[in-house]
Amino acid sequence: MTNHLIALSDGSDFSWRAVRLAAELASQIDLTLEVVEVALLPDDVPLTRRSIEERLIDELGEDRAKTTTTTVLVQGDRIATTIADHITALGDGSIVVMSSAGRGRSAALLGSVAEDLLGQLHGPVLLVGPEVDIDSFHLDGRILVPVDGSATSEYALGLAAAWGIEHGGVPWLVNVVDPDELARMGDGMGGGDVAESSYVARTAQQLRERSHHGTNYDVLHDKHPDHAIARYAASGDVSLIIASTHGRTGLARVAAGSQAMGMVHRSPVPVLLVRPPSVES
């Protein structure tokens, strides 16, 4: 499904949580991991490279053997663009792993830059939020896939099916419905609930038929989809959330700026985000 993993770091403990998770993932699926750390000044490059090597030995131990390192020099406000160019030059098939928060030499790297990268990369980005328990990460649990009836949200379905087939997990489609909207749809007689359940059930059935792999679904009632999905992820054997960066509105500020990133910040499991090719950055 992927050729290699790329873990981004800004030297902070926050960012190295993502490196640790990427190393565990690389070990489980037998891939080489490249750790890319950012240097802001030319004089920082040799110091940064040496610090990466030392920390890899301390934190990864034997897993260090299959890990390569790269130092990327960025200047000004071109952090996301420079990193995106480096990743793009490596070719297709890479999954980028990074933390959603950072307090290192480049605090911006793992904050706003995460959203900027999502807008510039066509490949998936695995984001590790502050609530993720790195030590309990596993591959074979449920894979939550938020869908909302739009083609853009459903773009993540193929990736979820491939991930489930390759790693033994079960895609679990989740549709979050605003209770007020549900009441309006059903006119107080339950018709809205039936309509929403029918959509996600039908979509799950179609994915099951296409992938020949187990698929399930659920409907949640909440005004805030990111809150609801994070709570749901904490309630059972969930390994991962796979989601499109864009949903029903098709607006970047609604998707990457609020719902998708809000989900990342609250989720107890990593969130793999993918941008539909039809959506402009």
C-alpha atoms as a PDB file:
ATOM      1  CA  MET A   1       0.000   0.000   0.000  1.00  0.00           C
ATOM      2  CA  THR A   2       2.943   2.309   0.682  1.00  0.00           C
ATOM      3  CA  ASN A   3       6.638   2.295  -0.164  1.00  0.00           C
ATOM      4  CA  HIS A   4       8.025   3.982   2.931  1.00  0.00           C
ATOM      5  CA  LEU A   5       7.246   6.186   5.918  1.00  0.00           C
ATOM      6  CA  ILE A   6       8.477   9.715   6.481  1.00  0.00           C
ATOM      7  CA  ALA A   7       8.372  11.077  10.035  1.00  0.00           C
ATOM      8  CA  LEU A   8       8.718  14.831  10.522  1.00  0.00           C
ATOM      9  CA  SER A   9      10.382  16.352  13.577  1.00  0.00           C
ATOM     10  CA  ASP A  10      11.186  19.821  14.850  1.00  0.00           C
ATOM     11  CA  GLY A  11      13.360  18.542  17.685  1.00  0.00           C
ATOM     12  CA  SER A  12      10.594  18.744  20.291  1.00  0.00           C
ATOM     13  CA  ASP A  13       9.349  15.935  22.523  1.00  0.00           C
ATOM     14  CA  PHE A  14       5.917  16.425  20.919  1.00  0.00           C
ATOM     15  CA  SER A  15       7.272  15.706  17.451  1.00  0.00           C
ATOM     16  CA  TRP A  16       9.256  12.687  18.626  1.00  0.00           C
ATOM     17  CA  ARG A  17       6.057  11.027  19.763  1.00  0.00           C
ATOM     18  CA  ALA A  18       5.211  10.841  16.058  1.00  0.00           C
ATOM     19  CA  VAL A  19       8.687   9.479  15.262  1.00  0.00           C
ATOM     20  CA  ARG A  20       8.210   6.728  17.852  1.00  0.00           C
ATOM     21  CA  LEU A  21       4.818   5.790  16.424  1.00  0.00           C
ATOM     22  CA  ALA A  22       6.207   5.825  12.888  1.00  0.00           C
ATOM     23  CA  ALA A  23       9.040   3.533  13.995  1.00  0.00           C
ATOM     24  CA  GLU A  24       6.542   1.107  15.533  1.00  0.00           C
ATOM     25  CA  LEU A  25       4.424   1.185  12.381  1.00  0.00           C
ATOM     26  CA  ALA A  26       7.480   0.658  10.173  1.00  0.00           C
ATOM     27  CA  SER A  27       8.515  -2.303  12.318  1.00  0.00           C
ATOM     28  CA  GLN A  28       5.072  -3.909  12.169  1.00  0.00           C
ATOM     29  CA  ILE A  29       4.754  -3.647   8.383  1.00  0.00           C
ATOM     30  CA  ASP A  30       8.476  -4.048   7.602  1.00  0.00           C
ATOM     31  CA  LEU A  31       9.171  -0.668   5.997  1.00  0.00           C
ATOM     32  CA  THR A  32      12.131   1.677   6.085  1.00  0.00           C
ATOM     33  CA  LEU A  33      11.534   4.882   8.023  1.00  0.00           C
ATOM     34  CA  GLU A  34      13.029   8.218   7.054  1.00  0.00           C
ATOM     35  CA  VAL A  35      13.172  10.827   9.803  1.00  0.00           C
ATOM     36  CA  VAL A  36      13.177  14.361   8.400  1.00  0.00           C
ATOM     37  CA  GLU A  37      14.163  17.066  10.861  1.00  0.00           C
ATOM     38  CA  VAL A  38      14.029  20.764  10.077  1.00  0.00           C
ATOM     39  CA  ALA A  39      16.928  23.177  10.463  1.00  0.00           C
ATOM     40  CA  LEU A  40      16.210  26.901  10.248  1.00  0.00           C
ATOM     41  CA  LEU A  41      19.803  28.130   9.786  1.00  0.00           C
ATOM     42  CA  PRO A  42      22.690  26.679   7.755  1.00  0.00           C
ATOM     43  CA  ASP A  43      24.849  26.429  10.891  1.00  0.00           C
ATOM     44  CA  ASP A  44      22.160  24.274  12.494  1.00  0.00           C
ATOM     45  CA  VAL A  45      22.367  21.522   9.862  1.00  0.00           C
ATOM     46  CA  PRO A  46      25.310  19.500  11.274  1.00  0.00           C
ATOM     47  CA  LEU A  47      24.062  19.981  14.846  1.00  0.00           C
ATOM     48  CA  THR A  48      20.574  18.884  13.877  1.00  0.00           C
ATOM     49  CA  ARG A  49      21.831  15.812  12.032  1.00  0.00           C
ATOM     50  CA  ARG A  50      23.959  14.748  14.994  1.00  0.00           C
ATOM     51  CA  SER A  51      21.086  15.251  17.452  1.00  0.00           C
ATOM     52  CA  ILE A  52      18.803  13.071  15.292  1.00  0.00           C
ATOM     53  CA  GLU A  53      21.313  10.215  15.252  1.00  0.00           C
ATOM     54  CA  GLU A  54      21.817  10.357  19.012  1.00  0.00           C
ATOM     55  CA  ARG A  55      18.110  10.435  19.778  1.00  0.00           C
ATOM     56  CA  LEU A  56      17.335   7.601  17.371  1.00  0.00           C
ATOM     57  CA  ILE A  57      19.802   5.396  19.228  1.00  0.00           C
ATOM     58  CA  ASP A  58      18.373   6.378  22.620  1.00  0.00           C
ATOM     59  CA  GLU A  59      14.691   6.002  21.747  1.00  0.00           C
ATOM     60  CA  LEU A  60      14.486   3.337  19.040  1.00  0.00           C
ATOM     61  CA  GLY A  61      17.234   0.926  19.998  1.00  0.00           C
ATOM     62  CA  GLU A  62      17.294  -2.022  17.596  1.00  0.00           C
ATOM     63  CA  ASP A  63      14.630  -0.420  15.372  1.00  0.00           C
ATOM     64  CA  ARG A  64      17.266   2.180  14.506  1.00  0.00           C
ATOM     65  CA  ALA A  65      18.759  -0.231  11.961  1.00  0.00           C
ATOM     66  CA  LYS A  66      16.052   0.398   9.345  1.00  0.00           C
ATOM     67  CA  THR A  67      15.857   4.156   9.855  1.00  0.00           C
ATOM     68  CA  THR A  68      17.447   6.784   7.624  1.00  0.00           C
ATOM     69  CA  THR A  69      17.785  10.469   8.467  1.00  0.00           C
ATOM     70  CA  THR A  70      17.578  13.705   6.519  1.00  0.00           C
ATOM     71  CA  THR A  71      17.990  17.322   7.574  1.00  0.00           C
ATOM     72  CA  VAL A  72      15.975  19.855   5.576  1.00  0.00           C
ATOM     73  CA  LEU A  73      17.022  23.505   5.684  1.00  0.00           C
ATOM     74  CA  VAL A  74      14.075  25.880   5.572  1.00  0.00           C
ATOM     75  CA  GLN A  75      14.086  29.658   5.716  1.00  0.00           C
ATOM     76  CA  GLY A  76      11.463  32.332   6.144  1.00  0.00           C
ATOM     77  CA  ASP A  77       7.855  31.243   5.864  1.00  0.00           C
ATOM     78  CA  ARG A  78       8.506  28.446   3.342  1.00  0.00           C
ATOM     79  CA  ILE A  79       8.576  25.612   5.894  1.00  0.00           C
ATOM     80  CA  ALA A  80       5.602  23.709   4.504  1.00  0.00           C
ATOM     81  CA  THR A  81       6.599  24.292   0.874  1.00  0.00           C
ATOM     82  CA  THR A  82      10.192  23.151   1.440  1.00  0.00           C
ATOM     83  CA  ILE A  83       9.065  19.992   3.234  1.00  0.00           C
ATOM     84  CA  ALA A  84       6.401  19.284   0.602  1.00  0.00           C
ATOM     85  CA  ASP A  85       9.003  19.646  -2.169  1.00  0.00           C
ATOM     86  CA  HIS A  86      11.323  17.213  -0.384  1.00  0.00           C
ATOM     87  CA  ILE A  87       8.557  14.640   0.091  1.00  0.00           C
ATOM     88  CA  THR A  88       7.305  15.016  -3.491  1.00  0.00           C
ATOM     89  CA  ALA A  89      10.833  14.438  -4.814  1.00  0.00           C
ATOM     90  CA  LEU A  90      10.842  11.017  -3.121  1.00  0.00           C
ATOM     91  CA  GLY A  91       8.025   9.898  -5.419  1.00  0.00           C
ATOM     92  CA  ASP A  92       4.598   8.395  -4.845  1.00  0.00           C
ATOM     93  CA  GLY A  93       3.781   5.855  -2.168  1.00  0.00           C
ATOM     94  CA  SER A  94       4.929   7.684   0.958  1.00  0.00           C
ATOM     95  CA  ILE A  95       2.954   8.194   4.145  1.00  0.00           C
ATOM     96  CA  VAL A  96       3.990  11.254   6.135  1.00  0.00           C
ATOM     97  CA  VAL A  97       3.786  10.899   9.925  1.00  0.00           C
ATOM     98  CA  MET A  98       3.855  13.995  12.117  1.00  0.00           C
ATOM     99  CA  SER A  99       2.640  15.421  15.392  1.00  0.00           C
ATOM    100  CA  SER A 100      -0.150  17.996  15.446  1.00  0.00           C
ATOM    101  CA  ALA A 101       1.714  20.127  17.997  1.00  0.00           C
ATOM    102  CA  GLY A 102       5.320  21.130  18.514  1.00  0.00           C
ATOM    103  CA  ARG A 103       7.439  23.299  20.771  1.00  0.00           C
ATOM    104  CA  GLY A 104      10.870  22.900  19.307  1.00  0.00           C
ATOM    105  CA  ARG A 105      13.270  25.032  17.350  1.00  0.00           C
ATOM    106  CA  SER A 106      10.503  25.565  14.802  1.00  0.00           C
ATOM    107  CA  ALA A 107       7.270  25.784  16.771  1.00  0.00           C
ATOM    108  CA  ALA A 108       5.317  26.561  13.609  1.00  0.00           C
ATOM    109  CA  LEU A 109       6.302  23.276  11.964  1.00  0.00           C
ATOM    110  CA  LEU A 110       3.855  21.118  13.831  1.00  0.00           C
ATOM    111  CA  GLY A 111       1.117  23.664  14.286  1.00  0.00           C
ATOM    112  CA  SER A 112      -0.108  25.622  11.282  1.00  0.00           C
ATOM    113  CA  VAL A 113       2.339  23.854   8.972  1.00  0.00           C
ATOM    114  CA  ALA A 114       0.400  20.601   9.358  1.00  0.00           C
ATOM    115  CA  GLU A 115      -2.574  22.211   7.633  1.00  0.00           C
ATOM    116  CA  ASP A 116      -0.356  23.814   4.995  1.00  0.00           C
ATOM    117  CA  LEU A 117       1.198  20.431   4.199  1.00  0.00           C
ATOM    118  CA  LEU A 118      -2.217  18.837   3.802  1.00  0.00           C
ATOM    119  CA  GLY A 119      -2.965  21.460   1.176  1.00  0.00           C
ATOM    120  CA  GLN A 120       0.230  20.763  -0.760  1.00  0.00           C
ATOM    121  CA  LEU A 121       0.594  16.988  -0.600  1.00  0.00           C
ATOM    122  CA  HIS A 122      -1.501  14.495  -2.537  1.00  0.00           C
ATOM    123  CA  GLY A 123      -0.442  11.549  -0.398  1.00  0.00           C
ATOM    124  CA  PRO A 124      -1.840  10.707   3.048  1.00  0.00           C
ATOM    125  CA  VAL A 125      -0.603  12.370   6.242  1.00  0.00           C
ATOM    126  CA  LEU A 126      -0.795  10.472   9.534  1.00  0.00           C
ATOM    127  CA  LEU A 127      -1.259  12.990  12.349  1.00  0.00           C
ATOM    128  CA  VAL A 128      -0.511  12.123  15.969  1.00  0.00           C
ATOM    129  CA  GLY A 129      -2.510  14.312  18.319  1.00  0.00           C
ATOM    130  CA  PRO A 130      -1.750  15.080  21.971  1.00  0.00           C
ATOM    131  CA  GLU A 131      -4.276  12.494  23.253  1.00  0.00           C
ATOM    132  CA  VAL A 132      -2.789   9.528  21.354  1.00  0.00           C
ATOM    133  CA  ASP A 133      -1.357   6.729  23.497  1.00  0.00           C
ATOM    134  CA  ILE A 134       1.740   5.791  21.510  1.00  0.00           C
ATOM    135  CA  ASP A 135       2.433   2.631  23.515  1.00  0.00           C
ATOM    136  CA  SER A 136      -0.983   1.085  22.783  1.00  0.00           C
ATOM    137  CA  PHE A 137      -0.889   1.617  19.013  1.00  0.00           C
ATOM    138  CA  HIS A 138      -1.860  -1.483  17.017  1.00  0.00           C
ATOM    139  CA  LEU A 139      -2.906  -2.212  13.452  1.00  0.00           C
ATOM    140  CA  ASP A 140      -5.693  -4.773  13.641  1.00  0.00           C
ATOM    141  CA  GLY A 141      -8.487  -2.852  15.379  1.00  0.00           C
ATOM    142  CA  ARG A 142     -11.428  -0.978  13.907  1.00  0.00           C
ATOM    143  CA  ILE A 143     -10.736   1.749  11.332  1.00  0.00           C
ATOM    144  CA  LEU A 144     -13.155   4.652  11.704  1.00  0.00           C
ATOM    145  CA  VAL A 145     -14.080   6.430   8.473  1.00  0.00           C
ATOM    146  CA  PRO A 146     -16.227   9.586   8.868  1.00  0.00           C
ATOM    147  CA  VAL A 147     -18.634  10.072   5.945  1.00  0.00           C
ATOM    148  CA  ASP A 148     -21.323  12.708   5.456  1.00  0.00           C
ATOM    149  CA  GLY A 149     -22.973  11.931   2.124  1.00  0.00           C
ATOM    150  CA  SER A 150     -20.473  13.854   0.002  1.00  0.00           C
ATOM    151  CA  ALA A 151     -18.161  12.385  -2.633  1.00  0.00           C
ATOM    152  CA  THR A 152     -15.223  14.185  -1.022  1.00  0.00           C
ATOM    153  CA  SER A 153     -15.753  12.544   2.373  1.00  0.00           C
ATOM    154  CA  GLU A 154     -16.111   9.143   0.688  1.00  0.00           C
ATOM    155  CA  TYR A 155     -12.715   9.529  -0.992  1.00  0.00           C
ATOM    156  CA  ALA A 156     -11.166   7.992   2.153  1.00  0.00           C
ATOM    157  CA  LEU A 157     -13.109   4.735   1.746  1.00  0.00           C
ATOM    158  CA  GLY A 158     -10.703   3.108  -0.702  1.00  0.00           C
ATOM    159  CA  LEU A 159      -7.723   3.801   1.516  1.00  0.00           C
ATOM    160  CA  ALA A 160      -9.568   2.438   4.562  1.00  0.00           C
ATOM    161  CA  ALA A 161     -10.467  -0.761   2.708  1.00  0.00           C
ATOM    162  CA  ALA A 162      -6.875  -1.249   1.528  1.00  0.00           C
ATOM    163  CA  TRP A 163      -5.552  -0.614   5.048  1.00  0.00           C
ATOM    164  CA  GLY A 164      -8.026  -3.106   6.528  1.00  0.00           C
ATOM    165  CA  ILE A 165      -7.196  -5.809   4.002  1.00  0.00           C
ATOM    166  CA  GLU A 166      -3.447  -5.376   4.441  1.00  0.00           C
ATOM    167  CA  HIS A 167      -3.362  -5.073   8.232  1.00  0.00           C
ATOM    168  CA  GLY A 168      -6.380  -7.033   9.402  1.00  0.00           C
ATOM    169  CA  GLY A 169      -8.545  -4.132  10.581  1.00  0.00           C
ATOM    170  CA  VAL A 170     -12.237  -3.613   9.852  1.00  0.00           C
ATOM    171  CA  PRO A 171     -13.425  -0.338   8.241  1.00  0.00           C
ATOM    172  CA  TRP A 172     -16.191   1.157  10.373  1.00  0.00           C
ATOM    173  CA  LEU A 173     -18.100   3.935   8.628  1.00  0.00           C
ATOM    174  CA  VAL A 174     -19.398   6.665  10.937  1.00  0.00           C
ATOM    175  CA  ASN A 175     -21.937   9.334  10.072  1.00  0.00           C
ATOM    176  CA  VAL A 176     -22.437  12.148  12.595  1.00  0.00           C
ATOM    177  CA  VAL A 177     -25.838  13.833  12.482  1.00  0.00           C
ATOM    178  CA  ASP A 178     -26.853  17.083  14.141  1.00  0.00           C
ATOM    179  CA  PRO A 179     -29.873  16.202  16.375  1.00  0.00           C
ATOM    180  CA  ASP A 180     -31.662  19.403  15.375  1.00  0.00           C
ATOM    181  CA  GLU A 181     -31.176  18.639  11.674  1.00  0.00           C
ATOM    182  CA  LEU A 182     -32.341  15.095  12.283  1.00  0.00           C
ATOM    183  CA  ALA A 183     -35.556  16.348  13.908  1.00  0.00           C
ATOM    184  CA  ARG A 184     -36.232  18.667  10.972  1.00  0.00           C
ATOM    185  CA  MET A 185     -35.651  15.873   8.451  1.00  0.00           C
ATOM    186  CA  GLY A 186     -37.944  13.492  10.252  1.00  0.00           C
ATOM    187  CA  ASP A 187     -40.557  16.083  11.153  1.00  0.00           C
ATOM    188  CA  GLY A 188     -40.705  14.505  14.594  1.00  0.00           C
ATOM    189  CA  MET A 189     -41.587  11.022  13.244  1.00  0.00           C
ATOM    190  CA  GLY A 190     -38.192   9.371  12.948  1.00  0.00           C
ATOM    191  CA  GLY A 191     -37.927   9.678   9.191  1.00  0.00           C
ATOM    192  CA  GLY A 192     -34.613  11.554   9.400  1.00  0.00           C
ATOM    193  CA  ASP A 193     -33.046   8.808  11.477  1.00  0.00           C
ATOM    194  CA  VAL A 194     -34.078   6.217   8.904  1.00  0.00           C
ATOM    195  CA  ALA A 195     -32.686   8.322   6.049  1.00  0.00           C
ATOM    196  CA  GLU A 196     -29.292   8.845   7.704  1.00  0.00           C
ATOM    197  CA  SER A 197     -28.999   5.171   8.708  1.00  0.00           C
ATOM    198  CA  SER A 198     -29.935   4.122   5.185  1.00  0.00           C
ATOM    199  CA  TYR A 199     -27.156   6.235   3.675  1.00  0.00           C
ATOM    200  CA  VAL A 200     -24.325   4.923   5.845  1.00  0.00           C
ATOM    201  CA  ALA A 201     -25.635   1.334   5.724  1.00  0.00           C
ATOM    202  CA  ARG A 202     -25.804   1.476   1.927  1.00  0.00           C
ATOM    203  CA  THR A 203     -22.312   2.967   1.681  1.00  0.00           C
ATOM    204  CA  ALA A 204     -20.891   0.289   3.985  1.00  0.00           C
ATOM    205  CA  GLN A 205     -22.561  -2.432   1.920  1.00  0.00           C
ATOM    206  CA  GLN A 206     -21.122  -1.019  -1.306  1.00  0.00           C
ATOM    207  CA  LEU A 207     -17.621  -0.899   0.195  1.00  0.00           C
ATOM    208  CA  ARG A 208     -18.000  -4.475   1.446  1.00  0.00           C
ATOM    209  CA  GLU A 209     -18.993  -5.672  -2.023  1.00  0.00           C
ATOM    210  CA  ARG A 210     -16.136  -3.810  -3.752  1.00  0.00           C
ATOM    211  CA  SER A 211     -13.411  -4.834  -1.311  1.00  0.00           C
ATOM    212  CA  HIS A 212     -14.648  -8.326  -0.342  1.00  0.00           C
ATOM    213  CA  HIS A 213     -13.664  -7.386   3.198  1.00  0.00           C
ATOM    214  CA  GLY A 214     -15.717  -6.951   6.359  1.00  0.00           C
ATOM    215  CA  THR A 215     -17.230  -3.491   6.830  1.00  0.00           C
ATOM    216  CA  ASN A 216     -19.547  -2.063   9.472  1.00  0.00           C
ATOM    217  CA  TYR A 217     -21.178   1.273  10.300  1.00  0.00           C
ATOM    218  CA  ASP A 218     -22.773   3.448  12.956  1.00  0.00           C
ATOM    219  CA  VAL A 219     -24.692   6.731  13.218  1.00  0.00           C
ATOM    220  CA  LEU A 220     -23.823   9.260  15.940  1.00  0.00           C
ATOM    221  CA  HIS A 221     -25.923  12.215  17.070  1.00  0.00           C
ATOM    222  CA  ASP A 222     -23.964  15.340  17.956  1.00  0.00           C
ATOM    223  CA  LYS A 223     -23.668  18.970  16.878  1.00  0.00           C
ATOM    224  CA  HIS A 224     -19.871  18.639  16.745  1.00  0.00           C
ATOM    225  CA  PRO A 225     -18.632  15.803  14.500  1.00  0.00           C
ATOM    226  CA  ASP A 226     -15.009  16.066  15.664  1.00  0.00           C
ATOM    227  CA  HIS A 227     -16.050  15.663  19.330  1.00  0.00           C
ATOM    228  CA  ALA A 228     -18.351  12.742  18.556  1.00  0.00           C
ATOM    229  CA  ILE A 229     -15.799  10.831  16.485  1.00  0.00           C
ATOM    230  CA  ALA A 230     -13.050  11.289  19.084  1.00  0.00           C
ATOM    231  CA  ARG A 231     -15.348   9.988  21.841  1.00  0.00           C
ATOM    232  CA  TYR A 232     -16.374   7.050  19.673  1.00  0.00           C
ATOM    233  CA  ALA A 233     -12.723   6.216  18.983  1.00  0.00           C
ATOM    234  CA  ALA A 234     -12.128   6.054  22.740  1.00  0.00           C
ATOM    235  CA  SER A 235     -15.033   3.693  23.350  1.00  0.00           C
ATOM    236  CA  GLY A 236     -13.788   0.554  21.637  1.00  0.00           C
ATOM    237  CA  ASP A 237     -10.980  -1.313  19.919  1.00  0.00           C
ATOM    238  CA  VAL A 238     -10.106   1.408  17.386  1.00  0.00           C
ATOM    239  CA  SER A 239      -6.656   1.524  15.780  1.00  0.00           C
ATOM    240  CA  LEU A 240      -6.982   4.441  13.427  1.00  0.00           C
ATOM    241  CA  ILE A 241      -9.228   7.100  11.934  1.00  0.00           C
ATOM    242  CA  ILE A 242      -8.974   7.552   8.163  1.00  0.00           C
ATOM    243  CA  ALA A 243     -10.697  10.657   6.856  1.00  0.00           C
ATOM    244  CA  SER A 244     -10.845  13.016   3.923  1.00  0.00           C
ATOM    245  CA  THR A 245      -9.719  16.566   4.620  1.00  0.00           C
ATOM    246  CA  HIS A 246     -12.926  17.790   2.983  1.00  0.00           C
ATOM    247  CA  GLY A 247     -16.532  16.920   3.538  1.00  0.00           C
ATOM    248  CA  ARG A 248     -19.980  18.183   2.654  1.00  0.00           C
ATOM    249  CA  THR A 249     -19.036  21.870   2.444  1.00  0.00           C
ATOM    250  CA  GLY A 250     -15.921  21.379   0.340  1.00  0.00           C
ATOM    251  CA  LEU A 251     -14.318  24.331   2.124  1.00  0.00           C
ATOM    252  CA  ALA A 252     -10.747  24.014   3.377  1.00  0.00           C
ATOM    253  CA  ARG A 253     -11.406  26.225   6.391  1.00  0.00           C
ATOM    254  CA  VAL A 254     -14.230  23.950   7.508  1.00  0.00           C
ATOM    255  CA  ALA A 255     -12.402  20.707   6.874  1.00  0.00           C
ATOM    256  CA  ALA A 256      -8.706  21.049   7.623  1.00  0.00           C
ATOM    257  CA  GLY A 257      -9.249  24.182   9.691  1.00  0.00           C
ATOM    258  CA  SER A 258     -11.920  22.942  12.053  1.00  0.00           C
ATOM    259  CA  GLN A 259     -13.458  19.474  11.827  1.00  0.00           C
ATOM    260  CA  ALA A 260     -10.504  17.402  10.624  1.00  0.00           C
ATOM    261  CA  MET A 261      -7.897  19.127  12.795  1.00  0.00           C
ATOM    262  CA  GLY A 262     -10.310  19.291  15.726  1.00  0.00           C
ATOM    263  CA  MET A 263     -10.694  15.531  15.436  1.00  0.00           C
ATOM    264  CA  VAL A 264      -6.903  15.131  15.401  1.00  0.00           C
ATOM    265  CA  HIS A 265      -6.455  17.199  18.555  1.00  0.00           C
ATOM    266  CA  ARG A 266      -9.092  15.178  20.473  1.00  0.00           C
ATOM    267  CA  SER A 267      -8.610  11.666  19.102  1.00  0.00           C
ATOM    268  CA  PRO A 268      -7.003   8.939  21.273  1.00  0.00           C
ATOM    269  CA  VAL A 269      -5.768   7.240  18.079  1.00  0.00           C
ATOM    270  CA  PRO A 270      -3.788   8.565  15.099  1.00  0.00           C
ATOM    271  CA  VAL A 271      -5.725  10.179  12.244  1.00  0.00           C
ATOM    272  CA  LEU A 272      -4.751   9.459   8.648  1.00  0.00           C
ATOM    273  CA  LEU A 273      -5.920  12.376   6.479  1.00  0.00           C
ATOM    274  CA  VAL A 274      -6.063  12.361   2.690  1.00  0.00           C
ATOM    275  CA  ARG A 275      -6.961  15.225   0.362  1.00  0.00           C
ATOM    276  CA  PRO A 276      -9.279  14.387  -2.552  1.00  0.00           C
ATOM    277  CA  PRO A 277      -7.616  15.112  -5.911  1.00  0.00           C
ATOM    278  CA  SER A 278     -10.591  17.234  -6.989  1.00  0.00           C
ATOM    279  CA  VAL A 279     -10.007  19.701  -4.136  1.00  0.00           C
ATOM    280  CA  GLU A 280      -7.662  22.604  -4.795  1.00  0.00           C
ATOM    281  CA  SER A 281      -5.161  23.534  -2.089  1.00  0.00           C
END
